[in-house]
Structure formats: C-alpha cells, structure tokens
C-alpha cells in the first residue's frame, strides 16, 4: 500500500517517523530496486544496512525488507523527494520538498537528521553539493542536529567512507 505525500500524490516508500527517534536517515528518493520491492536502500551494492551494523546502530545487518523494524533501534527513514524513483541524476526540478521534510522532522523531533548523500542535503540546504561537507552541520530543525553522510549507494563507491557514519553513531551513544 502506498501512502500519500502532502501534495496528494502517492509516495514510493512510507515514512518511518514515530516519535522518540534518535536518528532519521533521509535519502533523495527511492532507487529502482527499492521501489520495486518496496523497501529502503535495497539496491545491489548499497552499504546502508552494512553501515548501520558496522557502526553499532543495529545489532546486526538487517535486510532491507526489515526497514519497519528500525524504530526499535531508535532509527527512522524518509526521503526528500517522496515520489522520485531512480538515480539522483534523474531527479527533476521541483521533485524535492524541503518544506515538507522540515515539517516532518519538526513533528517527529528526532535527535539527529542524517542525510545519506550530499545531493539530498543540498536539496534541503538549497546550496550546491560542493559547498557541503560530511559530518555535523550548523543548521538545526528545532533541537534536531543535522548530519551529512557519504552516500551508501553502490553507484557512489568512489566517495564512500564509513567515518562520518561512525561519528554519527558515537554522537548518538554519547548523548544517550
């Protein structure tokens, strides 16, 4: 079953945003494989689930189809372009809804919002990716701190580093 975005158009993947979360991970939009099976970060070679386990954010590596179980670990999920399917390079102008994301994060009030790519962050920050650095940002949504992480996508392996993911995990545990 698909849910609807504020515009009334169906979303590809449902938001996982219950109250009381530590971290909400936000991607740009669903990849083709994710849309096909209805699960976040499902593409071949995607390191999202491995990174969660490797940094201790989950007790082991979960399957993408277990995404609804993430709130048990204090983790939520969303995308900035809820109707987009495909690589970021195919994102059409106006597909991202930064205002809707800000409202969702303000309502859910997680401790951290972690963008899973510079592209997703750039759409929310309204600035070019070359001006965005990995790690904690100066911006907040209420008391929610913003992080930018290297994309876990298999297509972005040239920019991959686990270090910013590990830093986020340490901050989560330090402030728990």
C-alpha atoms as a PDB file:
ATOM      1  CA  UNK A   1       0.000   0.000   0.000  1.00  0.00           C
ATOM      2  CA  UNK A   2       1.325   3.432  -0.917  1.00  0.00           C
ATOM      3  CA  UNK A   3       0.859   6.436   1.292  1.00  0.00           C
ATOM      4  CA  UNK A   4       0.284   9.965   0.058  1.00  0.00           C
ATOM      5  CA  UNK A   5       2.570  12.951   0.230  1.00  0.00           C
ATOM      6  CA  UNK A   6       1.157  16.331   1.298  1.00  0.00           C
ATOM      7  CA  UNK A   7       0.527  17.092  -2.383  1.00  0.00           C
ATOM      8  CA  UNK A   8      -1.842  14.120  -2.552  1.00  0.00           C
ATOM      9  CA  UNK A   9       0.430  12.198  -4.922  1.00  0.00           C
ATOM     10  CA  UNK A  10       1.371   8.659  -3.888  1.00  0.00           C
ATOM     11  CA  UNK A  11       4.760   8.211  -2.261  1.00  0.00           C
ATOM     12  CA  UNK A  12       7.087   5.412  -3.261  1.00  0.00           C
ATOM     13  CA  UNK A  13       8.108   4.366   0.254  1.00  0.00           C
ATOM     14  CA  UNK A  14       6.333   5.126   3.531  1.00  0.00           C
ATOM     15  CA  UNK A  15       7.906   7.421   6.087  1.00  0.00           C
ATOM     16  CA  UNK A  16       9.055   5.701   9.262  1.00  0.00           C
ATOM     17  CA  UNK A  17       8.781   8.617  11.689  1.00  0.00           C
ATOM     18  CA  UNK A  18       7.290   7.636  15.045  1.00  0.00           C
ATOM     19  CA  UNK A  19       8.027   9.935  17.988  1.00  0.00           C
ATOM     20  CA  UNK A  20      11.070   9.343  20.176  1.00  0.00           C
ATOM     21  CA  UNK A  21      13.637   8.504  17.492  1.00  0.00           C
ATOM     22  CA  UNK A  22      17.342   9.108  17.861  1.00  0.00           C
ATOM     23  CA  UNK A  23      18.183   9.337  14.137  1.00  0.00           C
ATOM     24  CA  UNK A  24      16.142   9.819  10.970  1.00  0.00           C
ATOM     25  CA  UNK A  25      18.040   8.921   7.805  1.00  0.00           C
ATOM     26  CA  UNK A  26      16.919  10.895   4.763  1.00  0.00           C
ATOM     27  CA  UNK A  27      17.762   9.942   1.203  1.00  0.00           C
ATOM     28  CA  UNK A  28      16.985  11.756  -2.010  1.00  0.00           C
ATOM     29  CA  UNK A  29      14.377   9.320  -3.321  1.00  0.00           C
ATOM     30  CA  UNK A  30      13.843   5.616  -3.836  1.00  0.00           C
ATOM     31  CA  UNK A  31      16.212   3.758  -6.096  1.00  0.00           C
ATOM     32  CA  UNK A  32      14.710   1.474  -8.713  1.00  0.00           C
ATOM     33  CA  UNK A  33      15.279  -1.725  -6.719  1.00  0.00           C
ATOM     34  CA  UNK A  34      13.883  -0.106  -3.565  1.00  0.00           C
ATOM     35  CA  UNK A  35      10.743   0.954  -5.434  1.00  0.00           C
ATOM     36  CA  UNK A  36      10.424  -2.493  -6.993  1.00  0.00           C
ATOM     37  CA  UNK A  37      10.440  -4.380  -3.689  1.00  0.00           C
ATOM     38  CA  UNK A  38       9.019  -1.585  -1.506  1.00  0.00           C
ATOM     39  CA  UNK A  39      11.999  -1.312   0.849  1.00  0.00           C
ATOM     40  CA  UNK A  40      14.582   1.377   1.598  1.00  0.00           C
ATOM     41  CA  UNK A  41      18.227   1.058   0.458  1.00  0.00           C
ATOM     42  CA  UNK A  42      17.631  -2.222  -1.402  1.00  0.00           C
ATOM     43  CA  UNK A  43      19.872  -1.654  -4.430  1.00  0.00           C
ATOM     44  CA  UNK A  44      22.681  -4.053  -5.210  1.00  0.00           C
ATOM     45  CA  UNK A  45      25.862  -2.899  -3.536  1.00  0.00           C
ATOM     46  CA  UNK A  46      24.091  -0.441  -1.219  1.00  0.00           C
ATOM     47  CA  UNK A  47      26.027  -0.205   2.060  1.00  0.00           C
ATOM     48  CA  UNK A  48      23.280   1.322   4.216  1.00  0.00           C
ATOM     49  CA  UNK A  49      22.355  -1.821   6.142  1.00  0.00           C
ATOM     50  CA  UNK A  50      26.001  -2.863   6.495  1.00  0.00           C
ATOM     51  CA  UNK A  51      26.926   0.620   7.797  1.00  0.00           C
ATOM     52  CA  UNK A  52      24.196   0.501  10.450  1.00  0.00           C
ATOM     53  CA  UNK A  53      25.529  -2.831  11.719  1.00  0.00           C
ATOM     54  CA  UNK A  54      29.204  -1.898  11.397  1.00  0.00           C
ATOM     55  CA  UNK A  55      28.732   1.262  13.482  1.00  0.00           C
ATOM     56  CA  UNK A  56      26.613  -0.493  16.113  1.00  0.00           C
ATOM     57  CA  UNK A  57      23.408   1.370  15.282  1.00  0.00           C
ATOM     58  CA  UNK A  58      21.756  -2.031  14.770  1.00  0.00           C
ATOM     59  CA  UNK A  59      22.821  -5.281  16.481  1.00  0.00           C
ATOM     60  CA  UNK A  60      23.485  -6.963  13.140  1.00  0.00           C
ATOM     61  CA  UNK A  61      22.979  -6.450   9.424  1.00  0.00           C
ATOM     62  CA  UNK A  62      19.268  -6.286   8.689  1.00  0.00           C
ATOM     63  CA  UNK A  63      17.642  -6.985   5.354  1.00  0.00           C
ATOM     64  CA  UNK A  64      16.086  -4.035   3.503  1.00  0.00           C
ATOM     65  CA  UNK A  65      12.654  -5.634   3.932  1.00  0.00           C
ATOM     66  CA  UNK A  66      13.099  -5.250   7.717  1.00  0.00           C
ATOM     67  CA  UNK A  67      13.036  -1.431   7.448  1.00  0.00           C
ATOM     68  CA  UNK A  68       9.842  -1.227   9.511  1.00  0.00           C
ATOM     69  CA  UNK A  69      11.791  -2.717  12.459  1.00  0.00           C
ATOM     70  CA  UNK A  70      14.228   0.212  12.660  1.00  0.00           C
ATOM     71  CA  UNK A  71      12.270   2.260  15.254  1.00  0.00           C
ATOM     72  CA  UNK A  72      13.132  -0.478  17.780  1.00  0.00           C
ATOM     73  CA  UNK A  73      16.722   0.774  17.415  1.00  0.00           C
ATOM     74  CA  UNK A  74      15.755   4.470  17.544  1.00  0.00           C
ATOM     75  CA  UNK A  75      16.009   4.865  13.762  1.00  0.00           C
ATOM     76  CA  UNK A  76      13.544   6.329  11.258  1.00  0.00           C
ATOM     77  CA  UNK A  77      13.548   6.775   7.485  1.00  0.00           C
ATOM     78  CA  UNK A  78      12.293   9.234   4.888  1.00  0.00           C
ATOM     79  CA  UNK A  79      13.250  10.801   1.552  1.00  0.00           C
ATOM     80  CA  UNK A  80      13.204  14.426   0.436  1.00  0.00           C
ATOM     81  CA  UNK A  81      11.679  13.524  -2.961  1.00  0.00           C
ATOM     82  CA  UNK A  82       8.906  11.120  -1.958  1.00  0.00           C
ATOM     83  CA  UNK A  83       7.630  10.436  -5.498  1.00  0.00           C
ATOM     84  CA  UNK A  84      11.048  10.061  -7.189  1.00  0.00           C
ATOM     85  CA  UNK A  85      12.267   6.678  -8.425  1.00  0.00           C
ATOM     86  CA  UNK A  86      15.738   6.243  -9.884  1.00  0.00           C
ATOM     87  CA  UNK A  87      19.201   7.701  -9.530  1.00  0.00           C
ATOM     88  CA  UNK A  88      19.712  11.222  -8.220  1.00  0.00           C
ATOM     89  CA  UNK A  89      20.916  12.307 -11.666  1.00  0.00           C
ATOM     90  CA  UNK A  90      17.372  11.728 -12.970  1.00  0.00           C
ATOM     91  CA  UNK A  91      15.691  13.884 -10.316  1.00  0.00           C
ATOM     92  CA  UNK A  92      13.528  16.503 -11.994  1.00  0.00           C
ATOM     93  CA  UNK A  93      13.419  20.086 -10.808  1.00  0.00           C
ATOM     94  CA  UNK A  94      10.792  20.601  -8.129  1.00  0.00           C
ATOM     95  CA  UNK A  95      10.585  16.917  -7.145  1.00  0.00           C
ATOM     96  CA  UNK A  96      12.147  17.529  -3.735  1.00  0.00           C
ATOM     97  CA  UNK A  97      10.022  19.061  -0.997  1.00  0.00           C
ATOM     98  CA  UNK A  98      12.330  20.633   1.579  1.00  0.00           C
ATOM     99  CA  UNK A  99       9.463  22.372   3.361  1.00  0.00           C
ATOM    100  CA  UNK A 100       7.530  19.117   3.846  1.00  0.00           C
ATOM    101  CA  UNK A 101      10.677  17.427   5.162  1.00  0.00           C
ATOM    102  CA  UNK A 102      11.247  20.250   7.641  1.00  0.00           C
ATOM    103  CA  UNK A 103       7.667  19.928   8.915  1.00  0.00           C
ATOM    104  CA  UNK A 104       8.010  16.137   9.275  1.00  0.00           C
ATOM    105  CA  UNK A 105      11.262  16.480  11.199  1.00  0.00           C
ATOM    106  CA  UNK A 106       9.853  19.234  13.411  1.00  0.00           C
ATOM    107  CA  UNK A 107       6.865  16.985  14.211  1.00  0.00           C
ATOM    108  CA  UNK A 108       8.905  13.807  14.815  1.00  0.00           C
ATOM    109  CA  UNK A 109      11.688  15.700  16.657  1.00  0.00           C
ATOM    110  CA  UNK A 110      14.462  13.100  16.378  1.00  0.00           C
ATOM    111  CA  UNK A 111      17.802  13.951  17.965  1.00  0.00           C
ATOM    112  CA  UNK A 112      19.552  13.779  14.577  1.00  0.00           C
ATOM    113  CA  UNK A 113      18.569  14.104  10.914  1.00  0.00           C
ATOM    114  CA  UNK A 114      21.187  12.366   8.773  1.00  0.00           C
ATOM    115  CA  UNK A 115      21.149  12.951   5.029  1.00  0.00           C
ATOM    116  CA  UNK A 116      22.502   9.891   3.239  1.00  0.00           C
ATOM    117  CA  UNK A 117      24.079  11.921   0.450  1.00  0.00           C
ATOM    118  CA  UNK A 118      25.302  15.404  -0.298  1.00  0.00           C
ATOM    119  CA  UNK A 119      22.628  15.569  -3.015  1.00  0.00           C
ATOM    120  CA  UNK A 120      19.791  15.041  -0.525  1.00  0.00           C
ATOM    121  CA  UNK A 121      21.359  17.582   1.830  1.00  0.00           C
ATOM    122  CA  UNK A 122      21.824  20.103  -0.977  1.00  0.00           C
ATOM    123  CA  UNK A 123      18.119  19.958  -1.797  1.00  0.00           C
ATOM    124  CA  UNK A 124      17.234  20.761   1.807  1.00  0.00           C
ATOM    125  CA  UNK A 125      20.011  23.298   2.411  1.00  0.00           C
ATOM    126  CA  UNK A 126      19.424  24.894  -1.008  1.00  0.00           C
ATOM    127  CA  UNK A 127      23.110  25.055  -1.826  1.00  0.00           C
ATOM    128  CA  UNK A 128      25.451  23.240  -4.230  1.00  0.00           C
ATOM    129  CA  UNK A 129      26.958  19.924  -3.147  1.00  0.00           C
ATOM    130  CA  UNK A 130      30.484  21.336  -3.493  1.00  0.00           C
ATOM    131  CA  UNK A 131      29.743  23.638  -0.541  1.00  0.00           C
ATOM    132  CA  UNK A 132      28.566  20.792   1.704  1.00  0.00           C
ATOM    133  CA  UNK A 133      30.923  18.841   3.936  1.00  0.00           C
ATOM    134  CA  UNK A 134      30.365  15.497   5.631  1.00  0.00           C
ATOM    135  CA  UNK A 135      29.507  15.472   9.312  1.00  0.00           C
ATOM    136  CA  UNK A 136      27.518  17.747  11.582  1.00  0.00           C
ATOM    137  CA  UNK A 137      26.120  20.926  10.029  1.00  0.00           C
ATOM    138  CA  UNK A 138      25.389  24.292  11.615  1.00  0.00           C
ATOM    139  CA  UNK A 139      21.686  24.118  10.775  1.00  0.00           C
ATOM    140  CA  UNK A 140      19.068  22.540  13.039  1.00  0.00           C
ATOM    141  CA  UNK A 141      15.348  21.832  12.952  1.00  0.00           C
ATOM    142  CA  UNK A 142      14.329  22.818  16.459  1.00  0.00           C
ATOM    143  CA  UNK A 143      16.694  20.767  18.619  1.00  0.00           C
ATOM    144  CA  UNK A 144      17.363  18.215  15.841  1.00  0.00           C
ATOM    145  CA  UNK A 145      21.007  18.313  14.740  1.00  0.00           C
ATOM    146  CA  UNK A 146      21.808  17.801  11.056  1.00  0.00           C
ATOM    147  CA  UNK A 147      24.472  15.432   9.699  1.00  0.00           C
ATOM    148  CA  UNK A 148      25.528  14.735   6.115  1.00  0.00           C
ATOM    149  CA  UNK A 149      26.859  11.271   5.312  1.00  0.00           C
ATOM    150  CA  UNK A 150      28.532   9.774   2.241  1.00  0.00           C
ATOM    151  CA  UNK A 151      26.009   8.013   0.048  1.00  0.00           C
ATOM    152  CA  UNK A 152      25.813   4.273   0.720  1.00  0.00           C
ATOM    153  CA  UNK A 153      24.701   3.667  -2.882  1.00  0.00           C
ATOM    154  CA  UNK A 154      26.774   1.240  -4.887  1.00  0.00           C
ATOM    155  CA  UNK A 155      26.900   3.916  -7.600  1.00  0.00           C
ATOM    156  CA  UNK A 156      28.730   6.276  -5.203  1.00  0.00           C
ATOM    157  CA  UNK A 157      31.539   3.967  -4.057  1.00  0.00           C
ATOM    158  CA  UNK A 158      34.192   6.474  -5.120  1.00  0.00           C
ATOM    159  CA  UNK A 159      33.015   8.826  -2.360  1.00  0.00           C
ATOM    160  CA  UNK A 160      32.377   6.196   0.302  1.00  0.00           C
ATOM    161  CA  UNK A 161      33.769   6.429   3.812  1.00  0.00           C
ATOM    162  CA  UNK A 162      32.376   4.855   6.953  1.00  0.00           C
ATOM    163  CA  UNK A 163      33.993   7.533   9.143  1.00  0.00           C
ATOM    164  CA  UNK A 164      31.111  10.083   9.124  1.00  0.00           C
ATOM    165  CA  UNK A 165      28.674   7.234   9.844  1.00  0.00           C
ATOM    166  CA  UNK A 166      30.807   6.126  12.797  1.00  0.00           C
ATOM    167  CA  UNK A 167      30.992   9.718  14.067  1.00  0.00           C
ATOM    168  CA  UNK A 168      27.192   9.952  13.995  1.00  0.00           C
ATOM    169  CA  UNK A 169      26.916   6.654  15.893  1.00  0.00           C
ATOM    170  CA  UNK A 170      29.372   7.874  18.550  1.00  0.00           C
ATOM    171  CA  UNK A 171      27.390  11.113  18.948  1.00  0.00           C
ATOM    172  CA  UNK A 172      24.194   9.109  19.335  1.00  0.00           C
ATOM    173  CA  UNK A 173      25.704   6.927  22.060  1.00  0.00           C
ATOM    174  CA  UNK A 174      27.488   9.829  23.781  1.00  0.00           C
ATOM    175  CA  UNK A 175      24.302  11.851  24.137  1.00  0.00           C
ATOM    176  CA  UNK A 176      22.018   8.902  25.013  1.00  0.00           C
END
